[in-house]
């Protein structure tokens, strides 16, 4: 490979990275501002009050509604902070924390992730129905399972404590700017990695390894890269690559719907799972049940959707 070829490839990677990055920024920045305004206006507390009565149906105290509401509107990190304050006031069992963790993992950061899904072609109503409804159904199944077999009824022990934070707007804005800056380098790394895997021929091996799962889910091989990134890194970065592929016309509408739906239910299996484990949740719920539920749900969707 000549120096000029390397320079050309580097230029192409940067252009592709900037294209993906700018697409995400157009969604991310307005969403961050809107969510912050809603939070200041008390929308989180109001949503928590609405969700409170539903928590009793899955064996959780009403105060858990605020934890999920915070997670729905912001992210898992913020939900964890609210959870710690709840845990200090009221003892929970490992089973209860696992049920709550399931809700948090399946449905979180919906303003941003829903906007990304909408940009890819998946309507808002479907995203909200799938993720909020799916989260509640899975949490109910997990609750009934633990209750029936008497599993994980011991008092939960927190493995993580939230550090004090400054809640000022300046601190919030600084944190968001740092996150926005970091996203560019993460996308650049992902785009470069995909290019390297393609050049080394490893991409085809990954497609072959994923083929049984993709076939079960009814997703074409063209979505293999996006699925890998989404499962490991998260929906935000996977969707960034997805939007790029959609823009190039490489994916069918059916593949887009199934891929975005699957990643909505089951993404960032490493980082997000580890985060919720710090709260005391059990892997049987937050990893294995979530993975099985996601595969079964999307496989059923694929059977119901027309092939064309």
C-alpha atoms as a PDB file:
ATOM      1  CA  UNK A   1       0.000   0.000   0.000  1.00  0.00           C
ATOM      2  CA  UNK A   2       1.556   3.296  -1.129  1.00  0.00           C
ATOM      3  CA  UNK A   3       1.684   6.511   0.885  1.00  0.00           C
ATOM      4  CA  UNK A   4      -0.775   8.207  -1.464  1.00  0.00           C
ATOM      5  CA  UNK A   5      -3.212   5.311  -1.035  1.00  0.00           C
ATOM      6  CA  UNK A   6      -2.953   5.616   2.743  1.00  0.00           C
ATOM      7  CA  UNK A   7      -3.606   9.365   2.530  1.00  0.00           C
ATOM      8  CA  UNK A   8      -6.605   8.817   0.260  1.00  0.00           C
ATOM      9  CA  UNK A   9      -8.030   6.169   2.586  1.00  0.00           C
ATOM     10  CA  UNK A  10      -7.459   8.433   5.594  1.00  0.00           C
ATOM     11  CA  UNK A  11      -9.249  11.294   3.874  1.00  0.00           C
ATOM     12  CA  UNK A  12     -12.197   9.035   3.028  1.00  0.00           C
ATOM     13  CA  UNK A  13     -12.400   7.806   6.629  1.00  0.00           C
ATOM     14  CA  UNK A  14     -12.420  11.370   7.961  1.00  0.00           C
ATOM     15  CA  UNK A  15     -15.118  12.420   5.500  1.00  0.00           C
ATOM     16  CA  UNK A  16     -17.280   9.448   6.442  1.00  0.00           C
ATOM     17  CA  UNK A  17     -16.692  10.112  10.149  1.00  0.00           C
ATOM     18  CA  UNK A  18     -17.649  13.783   9.826  1.00  0.00           C
ATOM     19  CA  UNK A  19     -20.764  12.829   7.859  1.00  0.00           C
ATOM     20  CA  UNK A  20     -21.909  10.387  10.559  1.00  0.00           C
ATOM     21  CA  UNK A  21     -20.920  12.785  13.351  1.00  0.00           C
ATOM     22  CA  UNK A  22     -22.815  15.745  11.915  1.00  0.00           C
ATOM     23  CA  UNK A  23     -25.899  13.583  11.377  1.00  0.00           C
ATOM     24  CA  UNK A  24     -25.848  12.551  15.035  1.00  0.00           C
ATOM     25  CA  UNK A  25     -25.190  16.109  16.237  1.00  0.00           C
ATOM     26  CA  UNK A  26     -28.272  17.388  14.403  1.00  0.00           C
ATOM     27  CA  UNK A  27     -30.278  14.956  16.517  1.00  0.00           C
ATOM     28  CA  UNK A  28     -28.283  14.999  19.758  1.00  0.00           C
ATOM     29  CA  UNK A  29     -27.890  18.731  20.450  1.00  0.00           C
ATOM     30  CA  UNK A  30     -31.593  19.728  20.134  1.00  0.00           C
ATOM     31  CA  UNK A  31     -32.580  16.636  22.119  1.00  0.00           C
ATOM     32  CA  UNK A  32     -30.192  17.457  24.975  1.00  0.00           C
ATOM     33  CA  UNK A  33     -31.570  20.983  25.226  1.00  0.00           C
ATOM     34  CA  UNK A  34     -35.222  19.900  25.082  1.00  0.00           C
ATOM     35  CA  UNK A  35     -34.707  17.193  27.717  1.00  0.00           C
ATOM     36  CA  UNK A  36     -32.920  19.642  30.035  1.00  0.00           C
ATOM     37  CA  UNK A  37     -35.761  22.157  29.691  1.00  0.00           C
ATOM     38  CA  UNK A  38     -38.319  19.438  30.440  1.00  0.00           C
ATOM     39  CA  UNK A  39     -36.293  18.338  33.453  1.00  0.00           C
ATOM     40  CA  UNK A  40     -36.156  21.890  34.842  1.00  0.00           C
ATOM     41  CA  UNK A  41     -39.923  22.209  34.301  1.00  0.00           C
ATOM     42  CA  UNK A  42     -40.545  19.085  36.393  1.00  0.00           C
ATOM     43  CA  UNK A  43     -41.404  16.638  33.605  1.00  0.00           C
ATOM     44  CA  UNK A  44     -39.278  13.883  35.151  1.00  0.00           C
ATOM     45  CA  UNK A  45     -41.068  14.054  38.499  1.00  0.00           C
ATOM     46  CA  UNK A  46     -44.448  14.132  36.743  1.00  0.00           C
ATOM     47  CA  UNK A  47     -43.609  11.091  34.626  1.00  0.00           C
ATOM     48  CA  UNK A  48     -42.337   9.317  37.734  1.00  0.00           C
ATOM     49  CA  UNK A  49     -45.665   9.962  39.464  1.00  0.00           C
ATOM     50  CA  UNK A  50     -47.522   8.498  36.470  1.00  0.00           C
ATOM     51  CA  UNK A  51     -45.326   5.408  36.405  1.00  0.00           C
ATOM     52  CA  UNK A  52     -45.454   4.884  40.176  1.00  0.00           C
ATOM     53  CA  UNK A  53     -48.737   2.900  40.323  1.00  0.00           C
ATOM     54  CA  UNK A  54     -47.506   0.587  37.536  1.00  0.00           C
ATOM     55  CA  UNK A  55     -44.446  -0.356  39.577  1.00  0.00           C
ATOM     56  CA  UNK A  56     -46.592  -2.232  42.096  1.00  0.00           C
ATOM     57  CA  UNK A  57     -47.703  -4.592  39.309  1.00  0.00           C
ATOM     58  CA  UNK A  58     -44.134  -5.838  38.945  1.00  0.00           C
ATOM     59  CA  UNK A  59     -43.257  -5.987  42.625  1.00  0.00           C
ATOM     60  CA  UNK A  60     -41.549  -2.601  42.943  1.00  0.00           C
ATOM     61  CA  UNK A  61     -42.255   0.358  45.249  1.00  0.00           C
ATOM     62  CA  UNK A  62     -43.911   3.388  43.652  1.00  0.00           C
ATOM     63  CA  UNK A  63     -40.717   5.392  44.170  1.00  0.00           C
ATOM     64  CA  UNK A  64     -39.063   3.188  41.529  1.00  0.00           C
ATOM     65  CA  UNK A  65     -41.194   5.054  38.996  1.00  0.00           C
ATOM     66  CA  UNK A  66     -38.960   8.112  39.408  1.00  0.00           C
ATOM     67  CA  UNK A  67     -35.852   6.004  38.735  1.00  0.00           C
ATOM     68  CA  UNK A  68     -37.299   4.670  35.496  1.00  0.00           C
ATOM     69  CA  UNK A  69     -38.707   8.058  34.475  1.00  0.00           C
ATOM     70  CA  UNK A  70     -35.270   9.635  34.898  1.00  0.00           C
ATOM     71  CA  UNK A  71     -33.689   6.838  32.884  1.00  0.00           C
ATOM     72  CA  UNK A  72     -36.314   7.107  30.145  1.00  0.00           C
ATOM     73  CA  UNK A  73     -35.722  10.813  29.630  1.00  0.00           C
ATOM     74  CA  UNK A  74     -31.962  10.972  30.196  1.00  0.00           C
ATOM     75  CA  UNK A  75     -29.722   7.907  30.469  1.00  0.00           C
ATOM     76  CA  UNK A  76     -28.723   4.977  32.650  1.00  0.00           C
ATOM     77  CA  UNK A  77     -26.048   6.947  34.520  1.00  0.00           C
ATOM     78  CA  UNK A  78     -28.549   9.535  35.750  1.00  0.00           C
ATOM     79  CA  UNK A  79     -31.031   6.805  36.607  1.00  0.00           C
ATOM     80  CA  UNK A  80     -28.351   5.108  38.713  1.00  0.00           C
ATOM     81  CA  UNK A  81     -27.867   8.263  40.782  1.00  0.00           C
ATOM     82  CA  UNK A  82     -31.604   8.454  41.502  1.00  0.00           C
ATOM     83  CA  UNK A  83     -31.617   4.728  42.315  1.00  0.00           C
ATOM     84  CA  UNK A  84     -28.913   5.184  44.959  1.00  0.00           C
ATOM     85  CA  UNK A  85     -31.020   7.799  46.753  1.00  0.00           C
ATOM     86  CA  UNK A  86     -33.970   5.373  46.646  1.00  0.00           C
ATOM     87  CA  UNK A  87     -31.864   2.498  47.978  1.00  0.00           C
ATOM     88  CA  UNK A  88     -30.704   4.647  50.907  1.00  0.00           C
ATOM     89  CA  UNK A  89     -34.311   5.221  51.982  1.00  0.00           C
ATOM     90  CA  UNK A  90     -35.795   1.792  51.268  1.00  0.00           C
ATOM     91  CA  UNK A  91     -34.244  -1.681  51.194  1.00  0.00           C
ATOM     92  CA  UNK A  92     -34.828  -3.733  48.060  1.00  0.00           C
ATOM     93  CA  UNK A  93     -34.229  -7.382  47.260  1.00  0.00           C
ATOM     94  CA  UNK A  94     -31.857  -8.528  44.527  1.00  0.00           C
ATOM     95  CA  UNK A  95     -34.928  -9.675  42.584  1.00  0.00           C
ATOM     96  CA  UNK A  96     -36.474  -6.191  42.753  1.00  0.00           C
ATOM     97  CA  UNK A  97     -33.246  -4.516  41.639  1.00  0.00           C
ATOM     98  CA  UNK A  98     -33.001  -7.002  38.764  1.00  0.00           C
ATOM     99  CA  UNK A  99     -36.556  -6.190  37.666  1.00  0.00           C
ATOM    100  CA  UNK A 100     -35.870  -2.447  37.843  1.00  0.00           C
ATOM    101  CA  UNK A 101     -32.561  -2.943  36.030  1.00  0.00           C
ATOM    102  CA  UNK A 102     -34.419  -4.708  33.233  1.00  0.00           C
ATOM    103  CA  UNK A 103     -36.711  -1.699  32.805  1.00  0.00           C
ATOM    104  CA  UNK A 104     -33.719   0.646  32.712  1.00  0.00           C
ATOM    105  CA  UNK A 105     -31.778  -1.394  30.161  1.00  0.00           C
ATOM    106  CA  UNK A 106     -34.578  -1.953  27.665  1.00  0.00           C
ATOM    107  CA  UNK A 107     -36.039   1.566  27.799  1.00  0.00           C
ATOM    108  CA  UNK A 108     -33.707   4.508  28.400  1.00  0.00           C
ATOM    109  CA  UNK A 109     -32.628   7.753  26.698  1.00  0.00           C
ATOM    110  CA  UNK A 110     -35.738   7.615  24.523  1.00  0.00           C
ATOM    111  CA  UNK A 111     -35.734  11.262  23.375  1.00  0.00           C
ATOM    112  CA  UNK A 112     -32.348  10.787  21.704  1.00  0.00           C
ATOM    113  CA  UNK A 113     -32.528   7.128  20.712  1.00  0.00           C
ATOM    114  CA  UNK A 114     -36.105   7.556  19.497  1.00  0.00           C
ATOM    115  CA  UNK A 115     -35.041  10.536  17.384  1.00  0.00           C
ATOM    116  CA  UNK A 116     -32.221   8.473  15.867  1.00  0.00           C
ATOM    117  CA  UNK A 117     -34.667   5.669  15.086  1.00  0.00           C
ATOM    118  CA  UNK A 118     -37.049   8.204  13.505  1.00  0.00           C
ATOM    119  CA  UNK A 119     -34.227   9.528  11.331  1.00  0.00           C
ATOM    120  CA  UNK A 120     -33.570   5.962  10.182  1.00  0.00           C
ATOM    121  CA  UNK A 121     -37.231   5.525   9.245  1.00  0.00           C
ATOM    122  CA  UNK A 122     -38.793   3.952  12.352  1.00  0.00           C
ATOM    123  CA  UNK A 123     -41.779   6.019  13.602  1.00  0.00           C
ATOM    124  CA  UNK A 124     -41.860   7.434  17.118  1.00  0.00           C
ATOM    125  CA  UNK A 125     -45.011   5.584  18.145  1.00  0.00           C
ATOM    126  CA  UNK A 126     -43.444   2.249  17.251  1.00  0.00           C
ATOM    127  CA  UNK A 127     -40.223   2.946  19.154  1.00  0.00           C
ATOM    128  CA  UNK A 128     -42.118   4.009  22.279  1.00  0.00           C
ATOM    129  CA  UNK A 129     -44.508   1.062  22.102  1.00  0.00           C
ATOM    130  CA  UNK A 130     -41.755  -1.480  21.487  1.00  0.00           C
ATOM    131  CA  UNK A 131     -39.321  -0.270  24.111  1.00  0.00           C
ATOM    132  CA  UNK A 132     -41.601   0.895  26.924  1.00  0.00           C
ATOM    133  CA  UNK A 133     -44.078  -1.925  26.338  1.00  0.00           C
ATOM    134  CA  UNK A 134     -41.290  -4.452  25.841  1.00  0.00           C
ATOM    135  CA  UNK A 135     -39.501  -3.293  28.989  1.00  0.00           C
ATOM    136  CA  UNK A 136     -42.637  -3.649  31.101  1.00  0.00           C
ATOM    137  CA  UNK A 137     -43.549  -7.064  29.684  1.00  0.00           C
ATOM    138  CA  UNK A 138     -40.035  -8.422  30.227  1.00  0.00           C
ATOM    139  CA  UNK A 139     -39.876  -6.945  33.740  1.00  0.00           C
ATOM    140  CA  UNK A 140     -43.240  -8.555  34.556  1.00  0.00           C
ATOM    141  CA  UNK A 141     -42.051 -11.957  33.305  1.00  0.00           C
ATOM    142  CA  UNK A 142     -38.820 -11.683  35.310  1.00  0.00           C
ATOM    143  CA  UNK A 143     -40.768 -10.622  38.424  1.00  0.00           C
ATOM    144  CA  UNK A 144     -43.206 -13.532  38.147  1.00  0.00           C
ATOM    145  CA  UNK A 145     -40.353 -15.979  37.563  1.00  0.00           C
ATOM    146  CA  UNK A 146     -38.394 -14.840  40.613  1.00  0.00           C
ATOM    147  CA  UNK A 147     -41.545 -14.721  42.723  1.00  0.00           C
ATOM    148  CA  UNK A 148     -42.699 -18.206  41.700  1.00  0.00           C
ATOM    149  CA  UNK A 149     -39.354 -19.875  42.381  1.00  0.00           C
ATOM    150  CA  UNK A 150     -38.422 -17.692  45.346  1.00  0.00           C
ATOM    151  CA  UNK A 151     -35.133 -16.653  43.743  1.00  0.00           C
ATOM    152  CA  UNK A 152     -32.954 -13.696  44.722  1.00  0.00           C
ATOM    153  CA  UNK A 153     -35.110 -12.647  47.660  1.00  0.00           C
ATOM    154  CA  UNK A 154     -32.120 -11.613  49.791  1.00  0.00           C
ATOM    155  CA  UNK A 155     -31.586  -7.935  50.584  1.00  0.00           C
ATOM    156  CA  UNK A 156     -29.596  -6.160  47.896  1.00  0.00           C
ATOM    157  CA  UNK A 157     -26.133  -4.754  48.633  1.00  0.00           C
ATOM    158  CA  UNK A 158     -25.004  -1.768  46.563  1.00  0.00           C
ATOM    159  CA  UNK A 159     -21.589  -2.098  44.936  1.00  0.00           C
ATOM    160  CA  UNK A 160     -21.544   1.549  43.821  1.00  0.00           C
ATOM    161  CA  UNK A 161     -22.111   4.922  45.412  1.00  0.00           C
ATOM    162  CA  UNK A 162     -22.828   8.093  43.483  1.00  0.00           C
ATOM    163  CA  UNK A 163     -20.287  10.862  43.976  1.00  0.00           C
ATOM    164  CA  UNK A 164     -21.624  14.361  44.754  1.00  0.00           C
ATOM    165  CA  UNK A 165     -22.220  16.443  41.630  1.00  0.00           C
ATOM    166  CA  UNK A 166     -22.732  20.132  40.954  1.00  0.00           C
ATOM    167  CA  UNK A 167     -26.174  20.525  39.414  1.00  0.00           C
ATOM    168  CA  UNK A 168     -25.515  23.929  37.841  1.00  0.00           C
ATOM    169  CA  UNK A 169     -26.235  24.638  34.183  1.00  0.00           C
ATOM    170  CA  UNK A 170     -22.554  25.401  33.576  1.00  0.00           C
ATOM    171  CA  UNK A 171     -21.524  21.977  34.855  1.00  0.00           C
ATOM    172  CA  UNK A 172     -24.257  20.345  32.780  1.00  0.00           C
ATOM    173  CA  UNK A 173     -23.199  22.216  29.633  1.00  0.00           C
ATOM    174  CA  UNK A 174     -19.536  21.339  30.212  1.00  0.00           C
ATOM    175  CA  UNK A 175     -20.370  17.649  30.625  1.00  0.00           C
ATOM    176  CA  UNK A 176     -22.439  17.658  27.434  1.00  0.00           C
ATOM    177  CA  UNK A 177     -19.673  19.366  25.434  1.00  0.00           C
ATOM    178  CA  UNK A 178     -17.132  16.810  26.638  1.00  0.00           C
ATOM    179  CA  UNK A 179     -19.492  13.996  25.655  1.00  0.00           C
ATOM    180  CA  UNK A 180     -20.145  15.520  22.232  1.00  0.00           C
ATOM    181  CA  UNK A 181     -16.407  15.865  21.638  1.00  0.00           C
ATOM    182  CA  UNK A 182     -15.721  12.279  22.700  1.00  0.00           C
ATOM    183  CA  UNK A 183     -18.389  10.959  20.330  1.00  0.00           C
ATOM    184  CA  UNK A 184     -16.384  12.145  17.302  1.00  0.00           C
ATOM    185  CA  UNK A 185     -13.326  10.121  18.286  1.00  0.00           C
ATOM    186  CA  UNK A 186     -15.418   7.052  19.097  1.00  0.00           C
ATOM    187  CA  UNK A 187     -17.061   7.213  15.666  1.00  0.00           C
ATOM    188  CA  UNK A 188     -13.665   7.722  14.003  1.00  0.00           C
ATOM    189  CA  UNK A 189     -12.373   4.632  15.815  1.00  0.00           C
ATOM    190  CA  UNK A 190     -15.392   2.561  14.752  1.00  0.00           C
ATOM    191  CA  UNK A 191     -15.218   3.666  11.110  1.00  0.00           C
ATOM    192  CA  UNK A 192     -11.471   2.965  11.022  1.00  0.00           C
ATOM    193  CA  UNK A 193     -11.971  -0.442  12.630  1.00  0.00           C
ATOM    194  CA  UNK A 194     -14.640  -1.402  10.087  1.00  0.00           C
ATOM    195  CA  UNK A 195     -12.324  -0.297   7.264  1.00  0.00           C
ATOM    196  CA  UNK A 196      -9.478  -2.383   8.706  1.00  0.00           C
ATOM    197  CA  UNK A 197     -11.694  -5.450   9.158  1.00  0.00           C
ATOM    198  CA  UNK A 198     -12.835  -5.086   5.554  1.00  0.00           C
ATOM    199  CA  UNK A 199      -9.260  -4.842   4.263  1.00  0.00           C
ATOM    200  CA  UNK A 200      -8.109  -7.845   6.306  1.00  0.00           C
ATOM    201  CA  UNK A 201     -11.062  -9.972   5.214  1.00  0.00           C
ATOM    202  CA  UNK A 202     -12.244 -10.368   8.802  1.00  0.00           C
ATOM    203  CA  UNK A 203     -15.525  -8.628   8.021  1.00  0.00           C
ATOM    204  CA  UNK A 204     -16.663 -11.613   5.941  1.00  0.00           C
ATOM    205  CA  UNK A 205     -15.824 -13.975   8.814  1.00  0.00           C
ATOM    206  CA  UNK A 206     -17.912 -11.880  11.199  1.00  0.00           C
ATOM    207  CA  UNK A 207     -20.803 -11.908   8.748  1.00  0.00           C
ATOM    208  CA  UNK A 208     -20.521 -15.687   8.508  1.00  0.00           C
ATOM    209  CA  UNK A 209     -20.447 -16.036  12.303  1.00  0.00           C
ATOM    210  CA  UNK A 210     -23.492 -13.795  12.696  1.00  0.00           C
ATOM    211  CA  UNK A 211     -25.464 -15.344   9.853  1.00  0.00           C
ATOM    212  CA  UNK A 212     -27.436 -17.844  12.025  1.00  0.00           C
ATOM    213  CA  UNK A 213     -28.571 -15.041  14.361  1.00  0.00           C
ATOM    214  CA  UNK A 214     -29.362 -12.636  11.518  1.00  0.00           C
ATOM    215  CA  UNK A 215     -31.283 -15.345   9.695  1.00  0.00           C
ATOM    216  CA  UNK A 216     -33.323 -16.073  12.828  1.00  0.00           C
ATOM    217  CA  UNK A 217     -34.050 -12.364  13.180  1.00  0.00           C
ATOM    218  CA  UNK A 218     -34.909 -12.015   9.501  1.00  0.00           C
ATOM    219  CA  UNK A 219     -32.171  -9.409   8.993  1.00  0.00           C
ATOM    220  CA  UNK A 220     -30.015  -9.295   5.857  1.00  0.00           C
ATOM    221  CA  UNK A 221     -26.231  -9.680   5.963  1.00  0.00           C
ATOM    222  CA  UNK A 222     -25.840  -6.036   4.976  1.00  0.00           C
ATOM    223  CA  UNK A 223     -26.786  -5.101   8.551  1.00  0.00           C
ATOM    224  CA  UNK A 224     -24.153  -7.328  10.179  1.00  0.00           C
ATOM    225  CA  UNK A 225     -21.672  -4.525  10.928  1.00  0.00           C
ATOM    226  CA  UNK A 226     -24.354  -2.316  12.425  1.00  0.00           C
ATOM    227  CA  UNK A 227     -25.637  -5.179  14.563  1.00  0.00           C
ATOM    228  CA  UNK A 228     -22.158  -5.924  15.925  1.00  0.00           C
ATOM    229  CA  UNK A 229     -21.498  -2.275  16.798  1.00  0.00           C
ATOM    230  CA  UNK A 230     -24.945  -1.771  18.311  1.00  0.00           C
ATOM    231  CA  UNK A 231     -24.803  -4.896  20.469  1.00  0.00           C
ATOM    232  CA  UNK A 232     -21.344  -4.099  21.812  1.00  0.00           C
ATOM    233  CA  UNK A 233     -21.063  -0.282  21.761  1.00  0.00           C
ATOM    234  CA  UNK A 234     -24.676   0.863  21.935  1.00  0.00           C
ATOM    235  CA  UNK A 235     -27.540   2.096  19.796  1.00  0.00           C
ATOM    236  CA  UNK A 236     -26.207   5.637  19.418  1.00  0.00           C
ATOM    237  CA  UNK A 237     -23.019   4.583  17.642  1.00  0.00           C
ATOM    238  CA  UNK A 238     -24.624   1.661  15.835  1.00  0.00           C
ATOM    239  CA  UNK A 239     -27.371   3.964  14.625  1.00  0.00           C
ATOM    240  CA  UNK A 240     -24.793   6.482  13.445  1.00  0.00           C
ATOM    241  CA  UNK A 241     -23.320   3.842  11.147  1.00  0.00           C
ATOM    242  CA  UNK A 242     -26.862   2.722  10.294  1.00  0.00           C
ATOM    243  CA  UNK A 243     -27.912   6.215   9.198  1.00  0.00           C
ATOM    244  CA  UNK A 244     -24.837   6.338   6.992  1.00  0.00           C
ATOM    245  CA  UNK A 245     -25.743   3.008   5.378  1.00  0.00           C
ATOM    246  CA  UNK A 246     -29.375   4.051   4.937  1.00  0.00           C
ATOM    247  CA  UNK A 247     -28.231   7.241   3.243  1.00  0.00           C
ATOM    248  CA  UNK A 248     -26.230   5.159   0.782  1.00  0.00           C
ATOM    249  CA  UNK A 249     -29.271   2.984   0.060  1.00  0.00           C
ATOM    250  CA  UNK A 250     -27.547  -0.209   1.213  1.00  0.00           C
ATOM    251  CA  UNK A 251     -30.327  -1.397   3.522  1.00  0.00           C
ATOM    252  CA  UNK A 252     -33.947  -2.219   2.794  1.00  0.00           C
ATOM    253  CA  UNK A 253     -36.718  -0.652   4.882  1.00  0.00           C
ATOM    254  CA  UNK A 254     -37.435  -4.075   6.338  1.00  0.00           C
ATOM    255  CA  UNK A 255     -33.826  -4.544   7.455  1.00  0.00           C
ATOM    256  CA  UNK A 256     -33.794  -1.049   8.949  1.00  0.00           C
ATOM    257  CA  UNK A 257     -36.955  -1.692  10.973  1.00  0.00           C
ATOM    258  CA  UNK A 258     -35.793  -5.076  12.257  1.00  0.00           C
ATOM    259  CA  UNK A 259     -32.248  -3.926  13.007  1.00  0.00           C
ATOM    260  CA  UNK A 260     -33.281  -0.745  14.825  1.00  0.00           C
ATOM    261  CA  UNK A 261     -35.933  -2.688  16.755  1.00  0.00           C
ATOM    262  CA  UNK A 262     -33.467  -5.377  17.807  1.00  0.00           C
ATOM    263  CA  UNK A 263     -30.844  -2.841  18.867  1.00  0.00           C
ATOM    264  CA  UNK A 264     -33.507  -0.859  20.698  1.00  0.00           C
ATOM    265  CA  UNK A 265     -34.235  -3.861  22.909  1.00  0.00           C
ATOM    266  CA  UNK A 266     -30.732  -5.251  23.117  1.00  0.00           C
ATOM    267  CA  UNK A 267     -27.733  -2.938  22.775  1.00  0.00           C
ATOM    268  CA  UNK A 268     -24.531  -2.123  24.639  1.00  0.00           C
ATOM    269  CA  UNK A 269     -24.529  -5.574  26.204  1.00  0.00           C
ATOM    270  CA  UNK A 270     -21.146  -4.974  27.822  1.00  0.00           C
ATOM    271  CA  UNK A 271     -21.130  -1.441  29.263  1.00  0.00           C
ATOM    272  CA  UNK A 272     -24.805  -1.039  30.168  1.00  0.00           C
ATOM    273  CA  UNK A 273     -25.001  -4.510  31.691  1.00  0.00           C
ATOM    274  CA  UNK A 274     -21.941  -3.863  33.865  1.00  0.00           C
ATOM    275  CA  UNK A 275     -23.369  -0.523  34.997  1.00  0.00           C
ATOM    276  CA  UNK A 276     -26.641  -2.051  36.175  1.00  0.00           C
ATOM    277  CA  UNK A 277     -24.748  -4.917  37.813  1.00  0.00           C
ATOM    278  CA  UNK A 278     -23.125  -2.284  40.049  1.00  0.00           C
ATOM    279  CA  UNK A 279     -26.587  -1.598  41.439  1.00  0.00           C
ATOM    280  CA  UNK A 280     -26.891  -5.266  42.417  1.00  0.00           C
ATOM    281  CA  UNK A 281     -28.976  -6.622  39.527  1.00  0.00           C
ATOM    282  CA  UNK A 282     -28.537 -10.277  38.540  1.00  0.00           C
ATOM    283  CA  UNK A 283     -27.265 -11.381  35.128  1.00  0.00           C
ATOM    284  CA  UNK A 284     -30.153 -13.812  34.713  1.00  0.00           C
ATOM    285  CA  UNK A 285     -32.449 -10.821  34.167  1.00  0.00           C
ATOM    286  CA  UNK A 286     -30.319  -8.018  32.778  1.00  0.00           C
ATOM    287  CA  UNK A 287     -28.374 -10.118  30.272  1.00  0.00           C
ATOM    288  CA  UNK A 288     -29.808 -13.556  29.560  1.00  0.00           C
ATOM    289  CA  UNK A 289     -33.519 -12.738  29.871  1.00  0.00           C
ATOM    290  CA  UNK A 290     -33.039  -9.489  27.935  1.00  0.00           C
ATOM    291  CA  UNK A 291     -31.128 -11.241  25.157  1.00  0.00           C
ATOM    292  CA  UNK A 292     -33.660 -14.080  24.884  1.00  0.00           C
ATOM    293  CA  UNK A 293     -36.614 -11.665  24.936  1.00  0.00           C
ATOM    294  CA  UNK A 294     -35.051  -9.499  22.223  1.00  0.00           C
ATOM    295  CA  UNK A 295     -34.320 -12.429  19.916  1.00  0.00           C
ATOM    296  CA  UNK A 296     -37.796 -13.937  20.364  1.00  0.00           C
ATOM    297  CA  UNK A 297     -39.568 -10.585  19.868  1.00  0.00           C
ATOM    298  CA  UNK A 298     -37.696  -9.632  16.695  1.00  0.00           C
ATOM    299  CA  UNK A 299     -37.904 -13.170  15.295  1.00  0.00           C
ATOM    300  CA  UNK A 300     -41.696 -12.991  15.684  1.00  0.00           C
ATOM    301  CA  UNK A 301     -41.735  -9.535  14.079  1.00  0.00           C
ATOM    302  CA  UNK A 302     -39.751 -10.875  11.131  1.00  0.00           C
ATOM    303  CA  UNK A 303     -42.295 -13.651  10.605  1.00  0.00           C
ATOM    304  CA  UNK A 304     -45.157 -11.148  10.596  1.00  0.00           C
ATOM    305  CA  UNK A 305     -43.557  -8.561   8.305  1.00  0.00           C
ATOM    306  CA  UNK A 306     -43.844  -9.030   4.547  1.00  0.00           C
ATOM    307  CA  UNK A 307     -40.628 -10.081   2.806  1.00  0.00           C
ATOM    308  CA  UNK A 308     -40.703  -7.215   0.337  1.00  0.00           C
END
